[in-house]
N, C-alpha and C. Protein backbone atom coordinates (compact mmCIF):
# COMPACT_ATOMS: atom_id res chain seq x y z
N MET A 1 0.83 -1.18 0.00
CA MET A 1 0.00 0.00 0.00
C MET A 1 0.88 1.25 0.00
N ARG A 2 0.40 2.25 -0.67
CA ARG A 2 1.12 3.51 -0.65
C ARG A 2 0.88 4.20 0.68
N PRO A 3 1.81 5.09 1.10
CA PRO A 3 1.66 5.75 2.39
C PRO A 3 0.36 6.54 2.53
N SER A 4 -0.09 7.23 1.48
CA SER A 4 -1.31 8.03 1.61
C SER A 4 -2.54 7.14 1.78
N LEU A 5 -2.58 6.02 1.09
CA LEU A 5 -3.70 5.10 1.24
C LEU A 5 -3.69 4.46 2.62
N MET A 6 -2.50 4.12 3.11
CA MET A 6 -2.37 3.53 4.44
C MET A 6 -2.84 4.53 5.50
N THR A 7 -2.47 5.78 5.34
CA THR A 7 -2.89 6.81 6.29
C THR A 7 -4.40 6.94 6.30
N ALA A 8 -5.03 6.93 5.14
CA ALA A 8 -6.49 7.04 5.05
C ALA A 8 -7.17 5.86 5.73
N VAL A 9 -6.66 4.67 5.51
CA VAL A 9 -7.24 3.47 6.12
C VAL A 9 -7.12 3.53 7.64
N LEU A 10 -5.95 3.95 8.14
CA LEU A 10 -5.75 4.05 9.59
C LEU A 10 -6.66 5.12 10.19
N ALA A 11 -6.83 6.23 9.49
CA ALA A 11 -7.70 7.30 9.99
C ALA A 11 -9.14 6.82 10.10
N LEU A 12 -9.61 6.10 9.08
CA LEU A 12 -10.98 5.57 9.12
C LEU A 12 -11.14 4.54 10.23
N ALA A 13 -10.15 3.70 10.40
CA ALA A 13 -10.22 2.68 11.44
C ALA A 13 -10.23 3.31 12.82
N THR A 14 -9.41 4.33 13.03
CA THR A 14 -9.36 5.01 14.32
C THR A 14 -10.67 5.72 14.60
N THR A 15 -11.23 6.40 13.61
CA THR A 15 -12.50 7.10 13.78
C THR A 15 -13.61 6.11 14.11
N GLY A 16 -13.62 5.00 13.41
CA GLY A 16 -14.64 3.99 13.66
C GLY A 16 -14.57 3.43 15.07
N CYS A 17 -13.36 3.23 15.59
CA CYS A 17 -13.20 2.70 16.94
C CYS A 17 -13.64 3.71 17.99
N ALA A 18 -13.41 4.98 17.73
CA ALA A 18 -13.72 6.00 18.72
C ALA A 18 -15.23 6.16 18.91
N THR A 19 -16.01 5.95 17.88
CA THR A 19 -17.43 6.22 18.00
C THR A 19 -18.31 4.99 17.77
N SER A 20 -17.73 3.84 17.47
CA SER A 20 -18.57 2.68 17.18
C SER A 20 -19.43 2.29 18.38
N GLY A 21 -18.89 2.36 19.57
CA GLY A 21 -19.65 2.04 20.76
C GLY A 21 -20.74 3.06 21.04
N PHE A 22 -20.53 4.30 20.63
CA PHE A 22 -21.49 5.36 20.89
C PHE A 22 -22.83 5.07 20.22
N GLU A 23 -22.80 4.51 19.04
CA GLU A 23 -24.05 4.19 18.31
C GLU A 23 -24.84 3.10 19.03
N GLN A 24 -24.19 2.31 19.86
CA GLN A 24 -24.86 1.21 20.56
C GLN A 24 -25.44 1.63 21.91
N LEU A 25 -25.20 2.85 22.33
CA LEU A 25 -25.74 3.33 23.61
C LEU A 25 -27.23 3.61 23.48
N TYR A 26 -27.99 3.32 24.54
CA TYR A 26 -29.43 3.57 24.52
C TYR A 26 -29.89 3.96 25.93
N PRO A 27 -31.00 4.68 26.04
CA PRO A 27 -31.51 5.09 27.35
C PRO A 27 -31.78 3.89 28.26
N GLY A 28 -31.46 4.07 29.55
CA GLY A 28 -31.67 3.02 30.53
C GLY A 28 -30.39 2.29 30.90
N MET A 29 -29.31 2.51 30.17
CA MET A 29 -28.05 1.83 30.48
C MET A 29 -27.45 2.39 31.76
N THR A 30 -26.78 1.54 32.52
CA THR A 30 -26.09 1.96 33.74
C THR A 30 -24.72 2.54 33.37
N PRO A 31 -24.08 3.27 34.31
CA PRO A 31 -22.74 3.79 34.02
C PRO A 31 -21.74 2.69 33.63
N ALA A 32 -21.81 1.55 34.28
CA ALA A 32 -20.90 0.44 33.95
C ALA A 32 -21.15 -0.05 32.52
N GLN A 33 -22.42 -0.16 32.13
CA GLN A 33 -22.74 -0.59 30.77
C GLN A 33 -22.25 0.43 29.73
N VAL A 34 -22.41 1.71 30.04
CA VAL A 34 -21.95 2.75 29.12
C VAL A 34 -20.44 2.66 28.95
N ALA A 35 -19.71 2.60 30.06
CA ALA A 35 -18.24 2.52 29.99
C ALA A 35 -17.80 1.25 29.28
N ASN A 36 -18.48 0.13 29.52
CA ASN A 36 -18.12 -1.14 28.88
C ASN A 36 -18.37 -1.06 27.37
N THR A 37 -19.51 -0.47 26.97
CA THR A 37 -19.84 -0.36 25.54
C THR A 37 -18.86 0.57 24.83
N MET A 38 -18.49 1.67 25.49
CA MET A 38 -17.55 2.62 24.88
C MET A 38 -16.11 2.12 24.95
N GLY A 39 -15.84 1.16 25.83
CA GLY A 39 -14.49 0.65 25.98
C GLY A 39 -13.63 1.54 26.86
N LYS A 40 -14.23 2.56 27.44
CA LYS A 40 -13.51 3.49 28.32
C LYS A 40 -14.54 4.36 29.03
N GLY A 41 -14.07 5.05 30.05
CA GLY A 41 -14.91 6.01 30.75
C GLY A 41 -14.85 7.35 30.03
N PRO A 42 -15.58 8.33 30.53
CA PRO A 42 -15.58 9.63 29.87
C PRO A 42 -14.25 10.35 30.03
N ALA A 43 -13.92 11.20 29.04
CA ALA A 43 -12.71 12.01 29.12
C ALA A 43 -12.91 13.15 30.12
N ARG A 44 -14.15 13.63 30.24
CA ARG A 44 -14.48 14.67 31.23
C ARG A 44 -15.97 14.55 31.56
N ALA A 45 -16.34 15.13 32.69
CA ALA A 45 -17.74 15.11 33.12
C ALA A 45 -18.14 16.49 33.63
N GLN A 46 -19.42 16.81 33.51
CA GLN A 46 -19.95 18.07 33.99
C GLN A 46 -21.19 17.78 34.82
N GLU A 47 -21.20 18.26 36.06
CA GLU A 47 -22.34 18.04 36.97
C GLU A 47 -23.30 19.22 36.89
N PHE A 48 -24.59 18.94 37.04
CA PHE A 48 -25.62 19.97 37.02
C PHE A 48 -26.35 19.99 38.37
N GLN A 49 -27.04 21.09 38.66
CA GLN A 49 -27.69 21.26 39.96
C GLN A 49 -28.83 20.28 40.19
N ASP A 50 -29.42 19.76 39.12
CA ASP A 50 -30.52 18.81 39.30
C ASP A 50 -30.03 17.39 39.60
N GLY A 51 -28.71 17.22 39.74
CA GLY A 51 -28.16 15.90 40.06
C GLY A 51 -27.73 15.10 38.85
N SER A 52 -28.03 15.57 37.66
CA SER A 52 -27.60 14.86 36.45
C SER A 52 -26.17 15.26 36.11
N SER A 53 -25.55 14.49 35.23
CA SER A 53 -24.19 14.81 34.80
C SER A 53 -24.03 14.45 33.32
N ALA A 54 -23.20 15.24 32.67
CA ALA A 54 -22.88 15.00 31.27
C ALA A 54 -21.52 14.34 31.21
N TRP A 55 -21.43 13.26 30.46
CA TRP A 55 -20.16 12.58 30.25
C TRP A 55 -19.72 12.85 28.82
N TYR A 56 -18.55 13.44 28.67
CA TYR A 56 -18.00 13.72 27.34
C TYR A 56 -16.88 12.73 27.04
N PHE A 57 -17.04 11.97 25.96
CA PHE A 57 -16.03 11.01 25.55
C PHE A 57 -14.98 11.67 24.65
N ASP A 58 -15.37 12.70 23.95
CA ASP A 58 -14.51 13.59 23.19
C ASP A 58 -15.35 14.84 22.94
N GLU A 59 -14.88 15.78 22.18
CA GLU A 59 -15.66 17.01 22.02
C GLU A 59 -16.88 16.84 21.12
N ASP A 60 -17.02 15.68 20.49
CA ASP A 60 -18.13 15.45 19.57
C ASP A 60 -19.15 14.42 20.04
N HIS A 61 -18.96 13.81 21.22
CA HIS A 61 -19.88 12.77 21.71
C HIS A 61 -20.06 12.88 23.22
N CYS A 62 -21.33 12.94 23.66
CA CYS A 62 -21.61 12.99 25.10
C CYS A 62 -22.91 12.27 25.42
N VAL A 63 -23.05 11.91 26.70
CA VAL A 63 -24.28 11.30 27.19
C VAL A 63 -24.71 12.04 28.46
N LEU A 64 -26.01 12.03 28.72
CA LEU A 64 -26.56 12.64 29.94
C LEU A 64 -26.98 11.51 30.87
N MET A 65 -26.43 11.52 32.09
CA MET A 65 -26.74 10.50 33.09
C MET A 65 -27.55 11.15 34.21
N ARG A 66 -28.63 10.47 34.64
CA ARG A 66 -29.43 10.95 35.77
C ARG A 66 -29.82 9.73 36.59
N ASP A 67 -29.59 9.81 37.90
CA ASP A 67 -29.90 8.69 38.81
C ASP A 67 -29.25 7.39 38.34
N ASN A 68 -27.98 7.50 37.92
CA ASN A 68 -27.18 6.35 37.46
C ASN A 68 -27.79 5.61 36.28
N VAL A 69 -28.47 6.37 35.40
CA VAL A 69 -29.06 5.80 34.20
C VAL A 69 -28.84 6.76 33.04
N LEU A 70 -28.52 6.24 31.87
CA LEU A 70 -28.37 7.07 30.68
C LEU A 70 -29.75 7.54 30.24
N VAL A 71 -29.92 8.86 30.10
CA VAL A 71 -31.23 9.39 29.70
C VAL A 71 -31.17 10.10 28.35
N GLY A 72 -29.98 10.35 27.82
CA GLY A 72 -29.88 11.01 26.52
C GLY A 72 -28.45 11.04 26.03
N LYS A 73 -28.30 11.29 24.73
CA LYS A 73 -26.95 11.41 24.16
C LYS A 73 -27.00 12.42 23.03
N ALA A 74 -25.82 12.96 22.70
CA ALA A 74 -25.73 13.96 21.64
C ALA A 74 -24.40 13.85 20.92
N THR A 75 -24.42 14.24 19.65
CA THR A 75 -23.20 14.30 18.85
C THR A 75 -23.13 15.68 18.19
N THR A 76 -21.95 16.06 17.79
CA THR A 76 -21.77 17.32 17.08
C THR A 76 -22.48 17.23 15.73
N GLN A 77 -23.22 18.28 15.40
CA GLN A 77 -23.95 18.34 14.13
C GLN A 77 -23.33 19.43 13.25
N THR A 78 -22.98 19.09 12.01
CA THR A 78 -22.43 20.08 11.09
C THR A 78 -23.58 20.74 10.36
N ARG A 79 -23.69 22.08 10.49
CA ARG A 79 -24.72 22.85 9.81
C ARG A 79 -24.30 23.14 8.37
N THR A 80 -23.07 23.60 8.21
CA THR A 80 -22.57 24.00 6.90
C THR A 80 -21.11 23.58 6.78
N ALA A 81 -20.76 23.11 5.62
CA ALA A 81 -19.36 22.82 5.31
C ALA A 81 -19.11 23.25 3.88
N VAL A 82 -18.23 24.22 3.71
CA VAL A 82 -17.91 24.74 2.39
C VAL A 82 -16.41 24.60 2.19
N HIS A 83 -16.04 24.00 1.08
CA HIS A 83 -14.62 23.82 0.76
C HIS A 83 -14.34 24.45 -0.60
N THR A 84 -13.34 25.34 -0.65
CA THR A 84 -12.93 25.99 -1.89
C THR A 84 -11.41 25.88 -1.98
N PRO A 85 -10.84 26.18 -3.14
CA PRO A 85 -9.38 26.17 -3.24
C PRO A 85 -8.72 27.21 -2.33
N VAL A 86 -9.44 28.27 -2.00
CA VAL A 86 -8.86 29.34 -1.18
C VAL A 86 -8.97 29.03 0.31
N GLY A 87 -10.00 28.31 0.71
CA GLY A 87 -10.19 28.00 2.12
C GLY A 87 -11.44 27.18 2.34
N SER A 88 -11.72 26.90 3.60
CA SER A 88 -12.93 26.14 3.92
C SER A 88 -13.57 26.71 5.18
N LEU A 89 -14.88 26.53 5.28
CA LEU A 89 -15.66 27.01 6.42
C LEU A 89 -16.52 25.86 6.91
N LYS A 90 -16.52 25.66 8.22
CA LYS A 90 -17.36 24.63 8.83
C LYS A 90 -18.11 25.29 9.99
N ASP A 91 -19.42 25.13 10.01
CA ASP A 91 -20.28 25.67 11.05
C ASP A 91 -20.92 24.48 11.76
N GLU A 92 -20.64 24.33 13.07
CA GLU A 92 -21.11 23.16 13.80
C GLU A 92 -21.80 23.54 15.11
N ASP A 93 -22.77 22.72 15.49
CA ASP A 93 -23.33 22.75 16.83
C ASP A 93 -22.63 21.62 17.57
N LYS A 94 -21.77 22.00 18.53
CA LYS A 94 -20.98 21.01 19.25
C LYS A 94 -21.90 20.18 20.16
N ALA A 95 -21.48 18.96 20.41
CA ALA A 95 -22.24 18.05 21.26
C ALA A 95 -22.43 18.69 22.63
N PHE A 96 -23.67 18.69 23.13
CA PHE A 96 -23.98 19.22 24.45
C PHE A 96 -25.03 18.33 25.10
N CYS A 97 -24.74 17.89 26.30
CA CYS A 97 -25.68 17.07 27.06
C CYS A 97 -25.95 17.79 28.36
N GLY A 98 -27.15 18.29 28.49
CA GLY A 98 -27.54 18.99 29.71
C GLY A 98 -28.99 18.73 30.00
N PRO A 99 -29.40 19.00 31.23
CA PRO A 99 -30.80 18.78 31.58
C PRO A 99 -31.70 19.77 30.84
N PRO A 100 -33.00 19.48 30.75
CA PRO A 100 -33.92 20.40 30.10
C PRO A 100 -33.81 21.81 30.70
N GLY A 101 -33.82 22.79 29.82
CA GLY A 101 -33.70 24.18 30.26
C GLY A 101 -32.28 24.71 30.23
N SER A 102 -31.31 23.86 29.98
CA SER A 102 -29.92 24.32 29.95
C SER A 102 -29.40 24.41 28.52
N GLU A 103 -30.30 24.43 27.54
CA GLU A 103 -29.88 24.48 26.14
C GLU A 103 -29.08 25.74 25.82
N GLY A 104 -29.24 26.79 26.63
CA GLY A 104 -28.50 28.03 26.41
C GLY A 104 -27.00 27.84 26.50
N ASN A 105 -26.56 26.73 27.12
CA ASN A 105 -25.13 26.47 27.25
C ASN A 105 -24.56 25.74 26.04
N ALA A 106 -25.41 25.42 25.08
CA ALA A 106 -24.93 24.72 23.88
C ALA A 106 -23.91 25.59 23.17
N ASN A 107 -23.00 24.96 22.48
CA ASN A 107 -21.89 25.67 21.87
C ASN A 107 -21.92 25.53 20.36
N ARG A 108 -21.96 26.67 19.69
CA ARG A 108 -21.88 26.70 18.24
C ARG A 108 -20.48 27.17 17.88
N GLU A 109 -19.83 26.46 16.97
CA GLU A 109 -18.46 26.80 16.62
C GLU A 109 -18.30 26.87 15.11
N GLN A 110 -17.59 27.88 14.67
CA GLN A 110 -17.29 28.02 13.25
C GLN A 110 -15.78 28.00 13.08
N THR A 111 -15.33 27.27 12.08
CA THR A 111 -13.91 27.15 11.79
C THR A 111 -13.67 27.60 10.37
N LEU A 112 -12.75 28.53 10.20
CA LEU A 112 -12.37 29.03 8.89
C LEU A 112 -10.91 28.69 8.68
N GLN A 113 -10.65 27.90 7.64
CA GLN A 113 -9.27 27.52 7.31
C GLN A 113 -8.87 28.24 6.03
N THR A 114 -7.75 28.96 6.12
CA THR A 114 -7.22 29.70 4.97
C THR A 114 -5.73 29.42 4.87
N PRO A 115 -5.10 29.83 3.77
CA PRO A 115 -3.65 29.68 3.69
C PRO A 115 -2.92 30.47 4.78
N LEU A 116 -3.58 31.46 5.37
CA LEU A 116 -2.98 32.27 6.42
C LEU A 116 -3.11 31.65 7.80
N GLY A 117 -3.95 30.63 7.93
CA GLY A 117 -4.12 29.98 9.22
C GLY A 117 -5.55 29.52 9.43
N THR A 118 -5.79 28.95 10.59
CA THR A 118 -7.11 28.47 10.96
C THR A 118 -7.67 29.36 12.07
N PHE A 119 -8.92 29.79 11.89
CA PHE A 119 -9.57 30.66 12.85
C PHE A 119 -10.82 29.97 13.37
N LYS A 120 -10.96 29.90 14.72
CA LYS A 120 -12.14 29.30 15.33
C LYS A 120 -12.85 30.36 16.14
N GLY A 121 -14.16 30.26 16.15
CA GLY A 121 -14.95 31.20 16.92
C GLY A 121 -16.40 31.09 16.55
N THR A 122 -17.17 32.10 16.93
CA THR A 122 -18.58 32.13 16.63
C THR A 122 -18.91 33.49 16.03
N VAL A 123 -19.56 33.46 14.89
CA VAL A 123 -20.00 34.68 14.24
C VAL A 123 -21.52 34.64 14.19
N ASP A 124 -22.15 35.61 14.81
CA ASP A 124 -23.60 35.70 14.80
C ASP A 124 -23.99 36.64 13.67
N PRO A 125 -24.56 36.13 12.56
CA PRO A 125 -24.89 36.99 11.42
C PRO A 125 -25.79 38.17 11.79
N ALA A 126 -26.74 37.97 12.70
CA ALA A 126 -27.63 39.06 13.09
C ALA A 126 -26.85 40.15 13.81
N ALA A 127 -25.90 39.75 14.67
CA ALA A 127 -25.10 40.75 15.39
C ALA A 127 -24.21 41.52 14.44
N VAL A 128 -23.63 40.84 13.45
CA VAL A 128 -22.79 41.52 12.48
C VAL A 128 -23.61 42.50 11.66
N THR A 129 -24.79 42.09 11.22
CA THR A 129 -25.67 42.97 10.45
C THR A 129 -26.03 44.21 11.26
N GLU A 130 -26.37 44.01 12.53
CA GLU A 130 -26.73 45.14 13.39
C GLU A 130 -25.53 46.07 13.60
N GLN A 131 -24.35 45.49 13.75
CA GLN A 131 -23.16 46.31 13.94
C GLN A 131 -22.88 47.16 12.71
N VAL A 132 -23.05 46.59 11.52
CA VAL A 132 -22.85 47.35 10.28
C VAL A 132 -23.89 48.46 10.17
N LYS A 133 -25.14 48.15 10.46
CA LYS A 133 -26.20 49.18 10.40
C LYS A 133 -25.89 50.33 11.35
N ASN A 134 -25.48 49.99 12.58
CA ASN A 134 -25.18 51.04 13.57
C ASN A 134 -23.98 51.88 13.15
N SER A 135 -22.97 51.26 12.56
CA SER A 135 -21.80 52.05 12.16
C SER A 135 -22.15 52.97 11.00
N VAL A 136 -23.04 52.55 10.12
CA VAL A 136 -23.46 53.40 9.01
C VAL A 136 -24.33 54.54 9.53
N ARG A 137 -25.20 54.27 10.49
CA ARG A 137 -26.07 55.31 11.05
C ARG A 137 -25.27 56.39 11.77
N ASN A 138 -24.18 55.99 12.43
CA ASN A 138 -23.41 56.93 13.24
C ASN A 138 -22.40 57.74 12.42
N GLN A 139 -22.19 57.41 11.18
CA GLN A 139 -21.25 58.18 10.36
C GLN A 139 -21.87 59.50 9.95
N LYS A 140 -21.07 60.55 10.02
CA LYS A 140 -21.51 61.87 9.58
C LYS A 140 -21.07 62.03 8.12
N VAL A 141 -22.02 62.08 7.24
CA VAL A 141 -21.72 62.24 5.82
C VAL A 141 -21.95 63.71 5.47
N PRO A 142 -20.91 64.40 4.95
CA PRO A 142 -21.09 65.81 4.59
C PRO A 142 -22.08 65.93 3.45
N PRO A 143 -22.90 66.99 3.47
CA PRO A 143 -23.87 67.18 2.40
C PRO A 143 -23.15 67.51 1.10
N PRO A 144 -23.77 67.20 -0.02
CA PRO A 144 -23.12 67.48 -1.29
C PRO A 144 -23.00 69.00 -1.51
N ALA A 145 -21.93 69.41 -2.19
CA ALA A 145 -21.72 70.83 -2.49
C ALA A 145 -22.65 71.23 -3.63
N GLN A 146 -23.18 72.46 -3.53
CA GLN A 146 -24.08 72.96 -4.57
C GLN A 146 -23.47 74.19 -5.23
N THR A 147 -23.73 74.35 -6.50
CA THR A 147 -23.21 75.49 -7.25
C THR A 147 -24.25 76.59 -7.29
N SER A 148 -23.80 77.83 -6.97
CA SER A 148 -24.71 78.98 -7.02
C SER A 148 -24.90 79.39 -8.47
N PRO A 149 -26.13 79.58 -8.91
CA PRO A 149 -26.36 79.90 -10.31
C PRO A 149 -25.81 81.29 -10.70
N SER A 150 -25.66 82.22 -9.75
CA SER A 150 -25.26 83.57 -10.12
C SER A 150 -23.77 83.71 -10.36
N ASP A 151 -22.90 83.15 -9.49
CA ASP A 151 -21.48 83.37 -9.66
C ASP A 151 -20.69 82.11 -9.96
N GLY A 152 -21.31 80.93 -9.98
CA GLY A 152 -20.61 79.69 -10.30
C GLY A 152 -19.77 79.18 -9.13
N ALA A 153 -19.83 79.83 -7.96
CA ALA A 153 -19.06 79.39 -6.80
C ALA A 153 -19.76 78.22 -6.11
N THR A 154 -18.98 77.44 -5.43
CA THR A 154 -19.53 76.28 -4.71
C THR A 154 -19.83 76.68 -3.28
N GLN A 155 -21.02 76.36 -2.80
CA GLN A 155 -21.42 76.64 -1.43
C GLN A 155 -21.97 75.37 -0.80
N ALA A 156 -21.65 75.19 0.47
CA ALA A 156 -22.24 74.07 1.21
C ALA A 156 -23.54 74.54 1.82
N THR A 157 -24.55 73.75 1.70
CA THR A 157 -25.85 74.13 2.26
C THR A 157 -26.32 73.05 3.21
N GLN A 158 -27.13 73.40 4.13
CA GLN A 158 -27.72 72.46 5.08
C GLN A 158 -28.95 71.82 4.46
N PRO A 159 -29.11 70.53 4.61
CA PRO A 159 -30.33 69.91 4.10
C PRO A 159 -31.54 70.39 4.89
N THR A 160 -32.66 70.49 4.23
CA THR A 160 -33.87 70.91 4.90
C THR A 160 -34.48 69.73 5.64
N PRO A 161 -34.96 69.98 6.84
CA PRO A 161 -35.51 68.88 7.64
C PRO A 161 -36.83 68.38 7.12
């Protein structure tokens, strides 16, 4: 096998191993069953005030545990993926497992890859639009100059309200 083909095969095999157990998880499983199915415990956990906890196996896969039972799971969802010769853009809703009412903590991430580097963050189109509108409203644009018909000189005049 050529090195590039070997690399692709290894990458697919590694990806399959990391998430193959995740597809087999279902509500009602105990923590031991979840860890056994995944082949490992969570990489990190987050506790909530209602007694539930989120187990994150990586940044793209999590489960919600309540009263030592799996009650839900989530994976990262890609909203948009654009690839061009100049760069690529990926807009994702990152995996978030929280109790009802905590959806506000969900994380949306956008990644822009260019020849100049990779940029990660969140761009809210509505906020950008509002910022542009406000900056245009706040600019003082001088009124156009008008020519006096009698002497040909240019005079600035105030617009009528």
